[in-house]
Amino acid sequence: MTAPGQIRIVIADDQHLIRAGLRAIIDAEPDLRVVAEASDGATAALAAASSRADIVLMDVEMPGIDGIEGVRRVHDARPEARVLMLTMFDLDEYVFGALRAGASGFLIKTAGPEELAGAIRAARGGDLLFAPSVTRRLVESYVRQAPPTVDAQARLASLTERELEVFHSIARGLSNAEIGAELFMGETTVKTQITRILAKLGLRDRVQAVVYAYECGVAGRSPG
């Protein structure tokens, strides 16, 4: 039974010991609660829907329905849930497929308890969704494999100057609080700006925004 305000989490991993370890870490946090466990992607999607999960921690490699197909199924069964992929390696080849399937973030299995809890909260709040060791190399590697976006610059032209500043900050992996501090904006205003940016660019979330920024050459460049 979850308390009001707790983040509801499904753990999907085919190894019982890993699930037990993750559950122990998560349930030790007062604002987090594991509501279900699964051993493959299909069961994870069903569990996410039946438990009204906010977050699914999804192992990349599982027998049967793997984590990549699991992401797609979770999005179909429980669109509100965000999926954090669990991987042993910071450039696991399967992560690229997970990005395309709609994963909202990536976490290395060797992450410590604080990093795990922080990543879950960040995913729920829409902030930084990559483990620090993954961010730049992961996205750059993904973009090298992805086809170029033909109308990227045209869609960027639809952004106001302020929205473009926020977009550059998203591309650098800054959280809402960090964007607000840097651009002298309240967090509510930042969230509003991000919602508008995603709508104008036809993107689902911040992960797609970061990838899009690399695709059109915005990442690493000044907005001016």
Protein backbone atom coordinates (compact mmCIF):
# COMPACT_ATOMS: atom_id res chain seq x y z
CA MET A 1 0.00 0.00 0.00
CA THR A 2 1.49 3.32 -1.06
CA ALA A 3 1.14 6.53 0.89
CA PRO A 4 -0.10 9.72 -0.82
CA GLY A 5 2.66 11.35 -2.82
CA GLN A 6 4.87 8.26 -3.01
CA ILE A 7 6.39 7.40 -6.39
CA ARG A 8 5.09 4.01 -7.53
CA ILE A 9 7.79 1.80 -9.07
CA VAL A 10 7.88 -1.49 -10.98
CA ILE A 11 11.18 -3.39 -11.10
CA ALA A 12 11.70 -5.53 -14.22
CA ASP A 13 14.75 -7.81 -14.12
CA ASP A 14 15.08 -11.54 -14.69
CA GLN A 15 17.46 -11.96 -11.73
CA HIS A 16 15.71 -12.29 -8.38
CA LEU A 17 18.72 -11.09 -6.38
CA ILE A 18 18.94 -7.88 -8.38
CA ARG A 19 15.23 -7.23 -7.94
CA ALA A 20 15.55 -7.85 -4.20
CA GLY A 21 18.52 -5.51 -3.92
CA LEU A 22 16.78 -2.74 -5.84
CA ARG A 23 13.61 -3.18 -3.77
CA ALA A 24 15.58 -2.89 -0.52
CA ILE A 25 17.21 0.36 -1.67
CA ILE A 26 14.00 1.85 -3.00
CA ASP A 27 11.72 0.92 -0.12
CA ALA A 28 14.20 2.48 2.32
CA GLU A 29 13.27 5.88 0.84
CA PRO A 30 10.11 7.40 2.36
CA ASP A 31 8.88 8.87 -0.94
CA LEU A 32 9.50 5.75 -3.05
CA ARG A 33 7.63 2.44 -3.08
CA VAL A 34 8.00 -0.71 -5.17
CA VAL A 35 4.50 -1.78 -6.18
CA ALA A 36 5.34 -4.75 -8.41
CA GLU A 37 8.15 -6.87 -9.84
CA ALA A 38 8.51 -8.53 -13.24
CA SER A 39 10.98 -10.84 -14.95
CA ASP A 40 10.40 -9.77 -18.56
CA GLY A 41 9.09 -6.87 -20.63
CA ALA A 42 5.60 -8.27 -21.14
CA THR A 43 4.99 -8.81 -17.43
CA ALA A 44 6.45 -5.38 -16.71
CA ALA A 45 3.88 -3.71 -18.97
CA LEU A 46 1.00 -5.59 -17.35
CA ALA A 47 2.34 -4.76 -13.88
CA ALA A 48 2.77 -1.09 -14.76
CA ALA A 49 -0.84 -0.87 -15.87
CA SER A 50 -2.38 -2.82 -12.99
CA SER A 51 -0.35 -1.02 -10.30
CA ARG A 52 -0.67 2.44 -11.88
CA ALA A 53 3.12 2.77 -11.81
CA ASP A 54 4.91 6.08 -12.21
CA ILE A 55 8.31 4.56 -12.99
CA VAL A 56 9.44 1.24 -14.45
CA LEU A 57 13.06 0.18 -13.87
CA MET A 58 13.64 -2.03 -16.89
CA ASP A 59 16.60 -4.33 -17.41
CA VAL A 60 17.82 -4.22 -21.01
CA GLU A 61 18.52 -7.93 -21.46
CA MET A 62 15.83 -10.36 -20.32
CA PRO A 63 14.66 -13.69 -21.76
CA GLY A 64 11.50 -13.70 -23.83
CA ILE A 65 10.27 -10.12 -24.15
CA ASP A 66 13.38 -8.02 -23.57
CA GLY A 67 13.63 -4.52 -22.17
CA ILE A 68 13.46 -2.74 -25.53
CA GLU A 69 10.18 -4.34 -26.53
CA GLY A 70 9.17 -3.92 -22.89
CA VAL A 71 9.49 -0.13 -23.23
CA ARG A 72 7.07 -0.15 -26.16
CA ARG A 73 4.60 -2.32 -24.26
CA VAL A 74 4.77 -0.14 -21.15
CA HIS A 75 4.05 2.94 -23.26
CA ASP A 76 1.02 1.20 -24.74
CA ALA A 77 -0.27 -0.19 -21.43
CA ARG A 78 0.60 2.70 -19.12
CA PRO A 79 1.51 5.85 -21.13
CA GLU A 80 1.93 7.88 -17.93
CA ALA A 81 4.81 5.71 -16.74
CA ARG A 82 8.39 6.68 -17.47
CA VAL A 83 10.88 3.90 -18.12
CA LEU A 84 14.43 3.96 -16.78
CA MET A 85 16.63 1.37 -18.46
CA LEU A 86 19.05 -0.62 -16.32
CA THR A 87 22.26 -1.60 -18.08
CA MET A 88 25.59 -3.08 -17.04
CA PHE A 89 27.59 -0.95 -19.47
CA ASP A 90 27.53 2.77 -20.13
CA LEU A 91 27.49 2.19 -23.90
CA ASP A 92 25.43 -0.96 -24.09
CA GLU A 93 24.47 -1.46 -27.74
CA TYR A 94 20.89 -2.20 -26.74
CA VAL A 95 20.46 1.25 -25.26
CA PHE A 96 20.18 2.77 -28.74
CA GLY A 97 17.15 0.64 -29.43
CA ALA A 98 15.70 1.62 -26.07
CA LEU A 99 15.99 5.31 -27.00
CA ARG A 100 14.08 4.71 -30.20
CA ALA A 101 11.47 2.69 -28.30
CA GLY A 102 10.81 5.62 -25.97
CA ALA A 103 12.92 5.06 -22.87
CA SER A 104 13.07 8.11 -20.63
CA GLY A 105 16.47 7.50 -19.09
CA PHE A 106 19.36 5.17 -18.41
CA LEU A 107 21.01 4.00 -15.25
CA ILE A 108 24.08 1.85 -14.78
CA LYS A 109 23.42 -1.15 -12.52
CA THR A 110 26.49 -0.30 -10.47
CA ALA A 111 24.96 3.03 -9.42
CA GLY A 112 24.86 3.64 -5.67
CA PRO A 113 21.66 3.96 -3.62
CA GLU A 114 21.66 7.77 -3.70
CA GLU A 115 22.13 7.85 -7.47
CA LEU A 116 19.35 5.31 -7.98
CA ALA A 117 16.89 7.20 -5.79
CA GLY A 118 17.88 10.50 -7.39
CA ALA A 119 17.40 9.12 -10.90
CA ILE A 120 13.92 7.88 -10.03
CA ARG A 121 12.92 11.25 -8.63
CA ALA A 122 14.45 13.04 -11.61
CA ALA A 123 12.56 10.83 -14.06
CA ARG A 124 9.30 11.40 -12.21
CA GLY A 125 9.86 15.15 -12.17
CA GLY A 126 11.07 15.37 -15.77
CA ASP A 127 14.61 16.49 -14.92
CA LEU A 128 17.92 14.97 -15.98
CA LEU A 129 17.33 11.42 -17.14
CA PHE A 130 20.80 10.10 -17.99
CA ALA A 131 23.32 8.66 -15.59
CA PRO A 132 26.35 11.00 -15.65
CA SER A 133 28.59 8.35 -17.19
CA VAL A 134 26.15 7.81 -20.06
CA THR A 135 25.06 11.27 -21.18
CA ARG A 136 27.42 12.62 -23.82
CA ARG A 137 28.86 9.38 -25.20
CA LEU A 138 25.46 7.70 -25.33
CA VAL A 139 23.71 10.51 -27.17
CA GLU A 140 26.58 11.16 -29.57
CA SER A 141 26.79 7.45 -30.42
CA TYR A 142 23.03 7.31 -30.94
CA VAL A 143 23.07 10.34 -33.23
CA ARG A 144 25.83 8.83 -35.37
CA GLN A 145 23.47 5.93 -36.05
CA ALA A 146 20.33 7.98 -36.50
CA PRO A 147 19.29 9.50 -39.85
CA PRO A 148 19.55 13.32 -40.01
CA THR A 149 16.41 15.31 -39.36
CA VAL A 150 15.57 17.14 -42.57
CA ASP A 151 13.40 19.90 -41.11
CA ALA A 152 15.31 20.38 -37.84
CA GLN A 153 16.41 23.95 -38.48
CA ALA A 154 12.96 24.96 -39.73
CA ARG A 155 11.33 23.72 -36.56
CA LEU A 156 13.96 25.42 -34.40
CA ALA A 157 13.11 28.69 -36.13
CA SER A 158 9.65 28.46 -34.55
CA LEU A 159 11.16 28.92 -31.07
CA THR A 160 11.32 32.32 -29.46
CA GLU A 161 14.70 33.62 -28.32
CA ARG A 162 13.90 32.67 -24.72
CA GLU A 163 12.69 29.21 -25.71
CA LEU A 164 15.89 28.68 -27.68
CA GLU A 165 17.93 29.57 -24.58
CA VAL A 166 15.98 27.00 -22.56
CA PHE A 167 16.39 24.43 -25.35
CA HIS A 168 20.17 24.87 -25.27
CA SER A 169 20.09 24.37 -21.51
CA ILE A 170 18.09 21.15 -21.91
CA ALA A 171 20.65 19.98 -24.46
CA ARG A 172 23.37 20.49 -21.86
CA GLY A 173 21.50 18.21 -19.45
CA LEU A 174 20.52 20.89 -16.94
CA SER A 175 17.63 20.29 -14.54
CA ASN A 176 14.69 22.68 -14.22
CA ALA A 177 16.24 24.22 -11.10
CA GLU A 178 19.60 24.70 -12.83
CA ILE A 179 17.95 26.24 -15.90
CA GLY A 180 15.98 28.61 -13.67
CA ALA A 181 19.09 29.70 -11.77
CA GLU A 182 21.11 30.23 -14.95
CA LEU A 183 18.41 32.09 -16.87
CA PHE A 184 16.86 33.90 -13.84
CA MET A 185 13.49 32.18 -14.18
CA GLY A 186 11.20 30.47 -11.70
CA GLU A 187 10.87 26.68 -12.01
CA THR A 188 7.19 27.00 -12.94
CA THR A 189 8.15 29.28 -15.82
CA VAL A 190 10.86 26.85 -16.89
CA LYS A 191 8.34 24.00 -16.96
CA THR A 192 5.96 26.11 -19.05
CA GLN A 193 8.74 26.97 -21.49
CA ILE A 194 9.74 23.32 -21.82
CA THR A 195 6.15 22.26 -22.48
CA ARG A 196 5.94 24.83 -25.29
CA ILE A 197 9.30 23.79 -26.74
CA LEU A 198 8.36 20.10 -26.84
CA ALA A 199 5.03 20.93 -28.47
CA LYS A 200 6.62 23.15 -31.13
CA LEU A 201 9.31 20.60 -31.96
CA GLY A 202 6.95 17.63 -31.85
CA LEU A 203 8.93 15.88 -29.13
CA ARG A 204 7.68 13.63 -26.35
CA ASP A 205 10.08 14.46 -23.53
CA ARG A 206 13.51 15.76 -22.52
CA VAL A 207 15.32 12.68 -23.75
CA GLN A 208 14.02 13.28 -27.26
CA ALA A 209 14.92 16.96 -26.87
CA VAL A 210 18.55 16.12 -26.06
CA VAL A 211 18.78 13.71 -29.00
CA TYR A 212 17.13 16.28 -31.28
CA ALA A 213 19.65 18.90 -30.18
CA TYR A 214 22.52 16.63 -31.22
CA GLU A 215 20.82 15.74 -34.50
CA CYS A 216 20.51 19.35 -35.57
CA GLY A 217 23.90 20.43 -34.22
CA VAL A 218 22.61 22.57 -31.37
CA ALA A 219 24.29 20.68 -28.50
CA GLY A 220 27.54 22.25 -27.42
CA ARG A 221 26.80 25.48 -29.26
CA SER A 222 25.86 28.82 -27.75
CA PRO A 223 22.29 30.01 -28.47
CA GLY A 224 23.71 33.23 -29.81
